[in-house]
Amino acid sequence: MKRLLVFAAVVALSLVASGVLLAQSNPFVGTWKLNLAKSKFMSGTPPKGGMFTVQRVGDEDRITVNGTAQSGSSFSLKYEVPSKGGAGKILAGPFDAVSGKVIDDSTRELSFMKGGKEMTHIRIVSKDGNTARETVKGTDPQGKPVSEVLVWEKQ
């Protein structure tokens, strides 16, 4: 279950990082579904499925992640991050803090922290606004290594 929360947090971070641009020009705003066949899980057990939604709410991007673990249990994560990047707020999930950075129009980076220390770093790229590739590296809240490449498709 904790691995699933980490997965959910990673997805959420990806969404938070996407909020730097205005919603109409931001390729990350919308609903995304995990493509398990194209994703690579080098650590941990992959989920049965997952989705995330990025919404623009004022100057914040609100990210909601929902999925199903291999065991059949559900997981969710919710967080907000300033649309221009910077420190965000975890609303529900295994980390204490999140921050986002806009690299360019199609690339975002996120850092999830626990106890003031960066645990997981995410880089997400969507050049066409329809498919996104998310690279996840670091450790989960329990200190176990995390290394994944997730492929998302906009719904």
C-alpha atoms as a PDB file:
ATOM      1  CA  MET A   1       0.000   0.000   0.000  1.00  0.00           C
ATOM      2  CA  LYS A   2       2.843   2.389   0.799  1.00  0.00           C
ATOM      3  CA  ARG A   3       4.353   1.745  -2.639  1.00  0.00           C
ATOM      4  CA  LEU A   4       1.018   2.701  -4.159  1.00  0.00           C
ATOM      5  CA  LEU A   5       0.973   5.914  -2.177  1.00  0.00           C
ATOM      6  CA  VAL A   6       4.443   6.698  -3.506  1.00  0.00           C
ATOM      7  CA  PHE A   7       3.213   5.988  -7.028  1.00  0.00           C
ATOM      8  CA  ALA A   8       0.241   8.262  -6.417  1.00  0.00           C
ATOM      9  CA  ALA A   9       2.510  10.962  -5.016  1.00  0.00           C
ATOM     10  CA  VAL A  10       4.721  10.744  -8.070  1.00  0.00           C
ATOM     11  CA  VAL A  11       1.762  11.147 -10.356  1.00  0.00           C
ATOM     12  CA  ALA A  12       0.533  14.040  -8.311  1.00  0.00           C
ATOM     13  CA  LEU A  13       3.896  15.735  -8.441  1.00  0.00           C
ATOM     14  CA  SER A  14       3.926  15.454 -12.158  1.00  0.00           C
ATOM     15  CA  LEU A  15       0.641  17.213 -12.300  1.00  0.00           C
ATOM     16  CA  VAL A  16       1.693  19.934  -9.918  1.00  0.00           C
ATOM     17  CA  ALA A  17       4.707  20.741 -12.006  1.00  0.00           C
ATOM     18  CA  SER A  18       2.523  21.196 -15.034  1.00  0.00           C
ATOM     19  CA  GLY A  19       0.689  24.213 -13.660  1.00  0.00           C
ATOM     20  CA  VAL A  20       3.153  26.911 -14.575  1.00  0.00           C
ATOM     21  CA  LEU A  21       1.420  27.853 -17.816  1.00  0.00           C
ATOM     22  CA  LEU A  22      -2.104  29.109 -18.236  1.00  0.00           C
ATOM     23  CA  ALA A  23      -4.660  26.331 -18.508  1.00  0.00           C
ATOM     24  CA  GLN A  24      -5.449  26.975 -22.168  1.00  0.00           C
ATOM     25  CA  SER A  25      -1.766  26.769 -23.161  1.00  0.00           C
ATOM     26  CA  ASN A  26      -0.660  24.199 -20.585  1.00  0.00           C
ATOM     27  CA  PRO A  27      -0.277  20.759 -22.212  1.00  0.00           C
ATOM     28  CA  PHE A  28      -0.679  19.042 -18.813  1.00  0.00           C
ATOM     29  CA  VAL A  29      -4.131  20.364 -17.846  1.00  0.00           C
ATOM     30  CA  GLY A  30      -6.738  17.622 -18.235  1.00  0.00           C
ATOM     31  CA  THR A  31      -7.239  13.962 -17.365  1.00  0.00           C
ATOM     32  CA  TRP A  32      -4.501  11.401 -17.974  1.00  0.00           C
ATOM     33  CA  LYS A  33      -4.524   7.591 -17.920  1.00  0.00           C
ATOM     34  CA  LEU A  34      -1.488   5.415 -17.216  1.00  0.00           C
ATOM     35  CA  ASN A  35      -0.439   3.179 -20.119  1.00  0.00           C
ATOM     36  CA  LEU A  36       0.935   0.145 -18.268  1.00  0.00           C
ATOM     37  CA  ALA A  37       2.150  -1.569 -21.468  1.00  0.00           C
ATOM     38  CA  LYS A  38       4.475   1.346 -22.287  1.00  0.00           C
ATOM     39  CA  SER A  39       5.576   2.095 -18.700  1.00  0.00           C
ATOM     40  CA  LYS A  40       8.611   0.538 -16.976  1.00  0.00           C
ATOM     41  CA  PHE A  41       8.674  -0.254 -13.264  1.00  0.00           C
ATOM     42  CA  MET A  42      12.264  -1.032 -12.258  1.00  0.00           C
ATOM     43  CA  SER A  43      11.349  -1.090  -8.554  1.00  0.00           C
ATOM     44  CA  GLY A  44       8.242  -2.172  -6.687  1.00  0.00           C
ATOM     45  CA  THR A  45       5.036  -3.679  -7.996  1.00  0.00           C
ATOM     46  CA  PRO A  46       3.174  -1.838 -10.750  1.00  0.00           C
ATOM     47  CA  PRO A  47      -0.423  -0.836 -10.086  1.00  0.00           C
ATOM     48  CA  LYS A  48      -3.345  -2.307 -12.025  1.00  0.00           C
ATOM     49  CA  GLY A  49      -4.071   1.183 -13.301  1.00  0.00           C
ATOM     50  CA  GLY A  50      -4.019   4.864 -12.552  1.00  0.00           C
ATOM     51  CA  MET A  51      -5.384   8.236 -13.607  1.00  0.00           C
ATOM     52  CA  PHE A  52      -4.652  11.815 -12.679  1.00  0.00           C
ATOM     53  CA  THR A  53      -6.369  15.119 -13.314  1.00  0.00           C
ATOM     54  CA  VAL A  54      -4.753  18.551 -13.444  1.00  0.00           C
ATOM     55  CA  GLN A  55      -7.064  21.520 -12.886  1.00  0.00           C
ATOM     56  CA  ARG A  56      -6.231  25.205 -12.808  1.00  0.00           C
ATOM     57  CA  VAL A  57      -7.724  26.815  -9.675  1.00  0.00           C
ATOM     58  CA  GLY A  58      -6.789  30.504  -9.505  1.00  0.00           C
ATOM     59  CA  ASP A  59      -2.989  30.696  -9.382  1.00  0.00           C
ATOM     60  CA  GLU A  60      -2.694  27.045  -8.332  1.00  0.00           C
ATOM     61  CA  ASP A  61      -2.745  23.738 -10.149  1.00  0.00           C
ATOM     62  CA  ARG A  62      -4.710  21.094  -8.294  1.00  0.00           C
ATOM     63  CA  ILE A  63      -3.705  17.511  -8.998  1.00  0.00           C
ATOM     64  CA  THR A  64      -5.823  14.530  -8.072  1.00  0.00           C
ATOM     65  CA  VAL A  65      -4.519  10.981  -8.523  1.00  0.00           C
ATOM     66  CA  ASN A  66      -6.581   7.794  -8.289  1.00  0.00           C
ATOM     67  CA  GLY A  67      -5.605   4.212  -8.997  1.00  0.00           C
ATOM     68  CA  THR A  68      -5.875   0.542  -8.173  1.00  0.00           C
ATOM     69  CA  ALA A  69      -3.084  -1.529  -6.635  1.00  0.00           C
ATOM     70  CA  GLN A  70      -2.256  -5.068  -7.745  1.00  0.00           C
ATOM     71  CA  SER A  71      -4.073  -6.235  -4.593  1.00  0.00           C
ATOM     72  CA  GLY A  72      -7.253  -4.550  -5.810  1.00  0.00           C
ATOM     73  CA  SER A  73      -7.214  -1.812  -3.169  1.00  0.00           C
ATOM     74  CA  SER A  74      -7.644   1.776  -4.305  1.00  0.00           C
ATOM     75  CA  PHE A  75      -5.264   4.666  -3.697  1.00  0.00           C
ATOM     76  CA  SER A  76      -5.484   8.405  -4.141  1.00  0.00           C
ATOM     77  CA  LEU A  77      -3.354  11.516  -3.788  1.00  0.00           C
ATOM     78  CA  LYS A  78      -4.180  15.190  -3.929  1.00  0.00           C
ATOM     79  CA  TYR A  79      -1.936  18.239  -3.943  1.00  0.00           C
ATOM     80  CA  GLU A  80      -1.671  21.835  -5.154  1.00  0.00           C
ATOM     81  CA  VAL A  81       1.271  23.749  -6.555  1.00  0.00           C
ATOM     82  CA  PRO A  82       1.593  27.364  -7.744  1.00  0.00           C
ATOM     83  CA  SER A  83       1.079  27.573 -11.513  1.00  0.00           C
ATOM     84  CA  LYS A  84       4.362  29.498 -11.844  1.00  0.00           C
ATOM     85  CA  GLY A  85       6.288  26.877  -9.883  1.00  0.00           C
ATOM     86  CA  GLY A  86       7.559  26.929  -6.333  1.00  0.00           C
ATOM     87  CA  ALA A  87       6.492  25.343  -3.063  1.00  0.00           C
ATOM     88  CA  GLY A  88       3.169  23.542  -3.138  1.00  0.00           C
ATOM     89  CA  LYS A  89       0.897  21.881  -0.616  1.00  0.00           C
ATOM     90  CA  ILE A  90       0.216  18.172  -0.103  1.00  0.00           C
ATOM     91  CA  LEU A  91      -3.501  17.770   0.622  1.00  0.00           C
ATOM     92  CA  ALA A  92      -3.351  13.968   0.984  1.00  0.00           C
ATOM     93  CA  GLY A  93      -0.395  11.626   0.507  1.00  0.00           C
ATOM     94  CA  PRO A  94       2.803  10.141   1.957  1.00  0.00           C
ATOM     95  CA  PHE A  95       5.090  13.192   1.643  1.00  0.00           C
ATOM     96  CA  ASP A  96       5.322  16.387   3.711  1.00  0.00           C
ATOM     97  CA  ALA A  97       5.952  18.833   0.887  1.00  0.00           C
ATOM     98  CA  VAL A  98       6.147  19.263  -2.875  1.00  0.00           C
ATOM     99  CA  SER A  99       7.716  21.867  -5.130  1.00  0.00           C
ATOM    100  CA  GLY A 100       7.491  22.310  -8.878  1.00  0.00           C
ATOM    101  CA  LYS A 101       9.671  23.870 -11.530  1.00  0.00           C
ATOM    102  CA  VAL A 102       8.856  24.778 -15.124  1.00  0.00           C
ATOM    103  CA  ILE A 103      11.750  23.923 -17.432  1.00  0.00           C
ATOM    104  CA  ASP A 104      10.010  24.911 -20.681  1.00  0.00           C
ATOM    105  CA  ASP A 105       6.540  24.744 -22.267  1.00  0.00           C
ATOM    106  CA  SER A 106       6.583  20.946 -22.387  1.00  0.00           C
ATOM    107  CA  THR A 107       8.805  19.969 -19.431  1.00  0.00           C
ATOM    108  CA  ARG A 108       8.224  20.112 -15.679  1.00  0.00           C
ATOM    109  CA  GLU A 109      10.135  18.853 -12.669  1.00  0.00           C
ATOM    110  CA  LEU A 110       8.809  18.033  -9.218  1.00  0.00           C
ATOM    111  CA  SER A 111      10.450  17.272  -5.911  1.00  0.00           C
ATOM    112  CA  PHE A 112       8.679  15.480  -3.076  1.00  0.00           C
ATOM    113  CA  MET A 113      10.064  15.932   0.395  1.00  0.00           C
ATOM    114  CA  LYS A 114       9.692  14.227   3.753  1.00  0.00           C
ATOM    115  CA  GLY A 115      11.256  15.565   6.929  1.00  0.00           C
ATOM    116  CA  GLY A 116      12.879  18.399   4.971  1.00  0.00           C
ATOM    117  CA  LYS A 117      14.762  15.992   2.674  1.00  0.00           C
ATOM    118  CA  GLU A 118      14.068  15.387  -1.008  1.00  0.00           C
ATOM    119  CA  MET A 119      12.887  11.812  -1.414  1.00  0.00           C
ATOM    120  CA  THR A 120      11.608  11.587  -4.992  1.00  0.00           C
ATOM    121  CA  HIS A 121      12.448  13.648  -8.072  1.00  0.00           C
ATOM    122  CA  ILE A 122      10.210  13.608 -11.155  1.00  0.00           C
ATOM    123  CA  ARG A 123      10.668  14.952 -14.652  1.00  0.00           C
ATOM    124  CA  ILE A 124       7.665  14.897 -16.978  1.00  0.00           C
ATOM    125  CA  VAL A 125       7.677  15.802 -20.670  1.00  0.00           C
ATOM    126  CA  SER A 126       4.714  16.190 -23.033  1.00  0.00           C
ATOM    127  CA  LYS A 127       5.715  17.652 -26.374  1.00  0.00           C
ATOM    128  CA  ASP A 128       2.373  16.998 -28.077  1.00  0.00           C
ATOM    129  CA  GLY A 129      -0.024  17.495 -25.138  1.00  0.00           C
ATOM    130  CA  ASN A 130      -1.468  13.997 -25.723  1.00  0.00           C
ATOM    131  CA  THR A 131       1.248  11.702 -24.371  1.00  0.00           C
ATOM    132  CA  ALA A 132       3.512  12.380 -21.395  1.00  0.00           C
ATOM    133  CA  ARG A 133       6.645  10.535 -20.276  1.00  0.00           C
ATOM    134  CA  GLU A 134       7.445  10.745 -16.570  1.00  0.00           C
ATOM    135  CA  THR A 135      10.826   9.686 -15.145  1.00  0.00           C
ATOM    136  CA  VAL A 136      10.821   9.005 -11.401  1.00  0.00           C
ATOM    137  CA  LYS A 137      13.963   8.531  -9.292  1.00  0.00           C
ATOM    138  CA  GLY A 138      14.719   8.559  -5.590  1.00  0.00           C
ATOM    139  CA  THR A 139      13.316   6.784  -2.566  1.00  0.00           C
ATOM    140  CA  ASP A 140       9.840   6.225  -1.208  1.00  0.00           C
ATOM    141  CA  PRO A 141       8.801   7.420   2.278  1.00  0.00           C
ATOM    142  CA  GLN A 142      10.105   4.125   3.718  1.00  0.00           C
ATOM    143  CA  GLY A 143      13.546   4.650   2.153  1.00  0.00           C
ATOM    144  CA  LYS A 144      13.175   2.018  -0.604  1.00  0.00           C
ATOM    145  CA  PRO A 145      14.588   2.903  -4.046  1.00  0.00           C
ATOM    146  CA  VAL A 146      12.167   4.127  -6.703  1.00  0.00           C
ATOM    147  CA  SER A 147      13.003   4.044 -10.413  1.00  0.00           C
ATOM    148  CA  GLU A 148      10.195   4.218 -12.948  1.00  0.00           C
ATOM    149  CA  VAL A 149       9.329   5.524 -16.389  1.00  0.00           C
ATOM    150  CA  LEU A 150       5.596   6.148 -16.655  1.00  0.00           C
ATOM    151  CA  VAL A 151       3.767   6.813 -19.907  1.00  0.00           C
ATOM    152  CA  TRP A 152       0.502   8.753 -19.662  1.00  0.00           C
ATOM    153  CA  GLU A 153      -2.145   9.357 -22.329  1.00  0.00           C
ATOM    154  CA  LYS A 154      -4.557  12.294 -22.231  1.00  0.00           C
ATOM    155  CA  GLN A 155      -8.205  11.287 -22.171  1.00  0.00           C
END
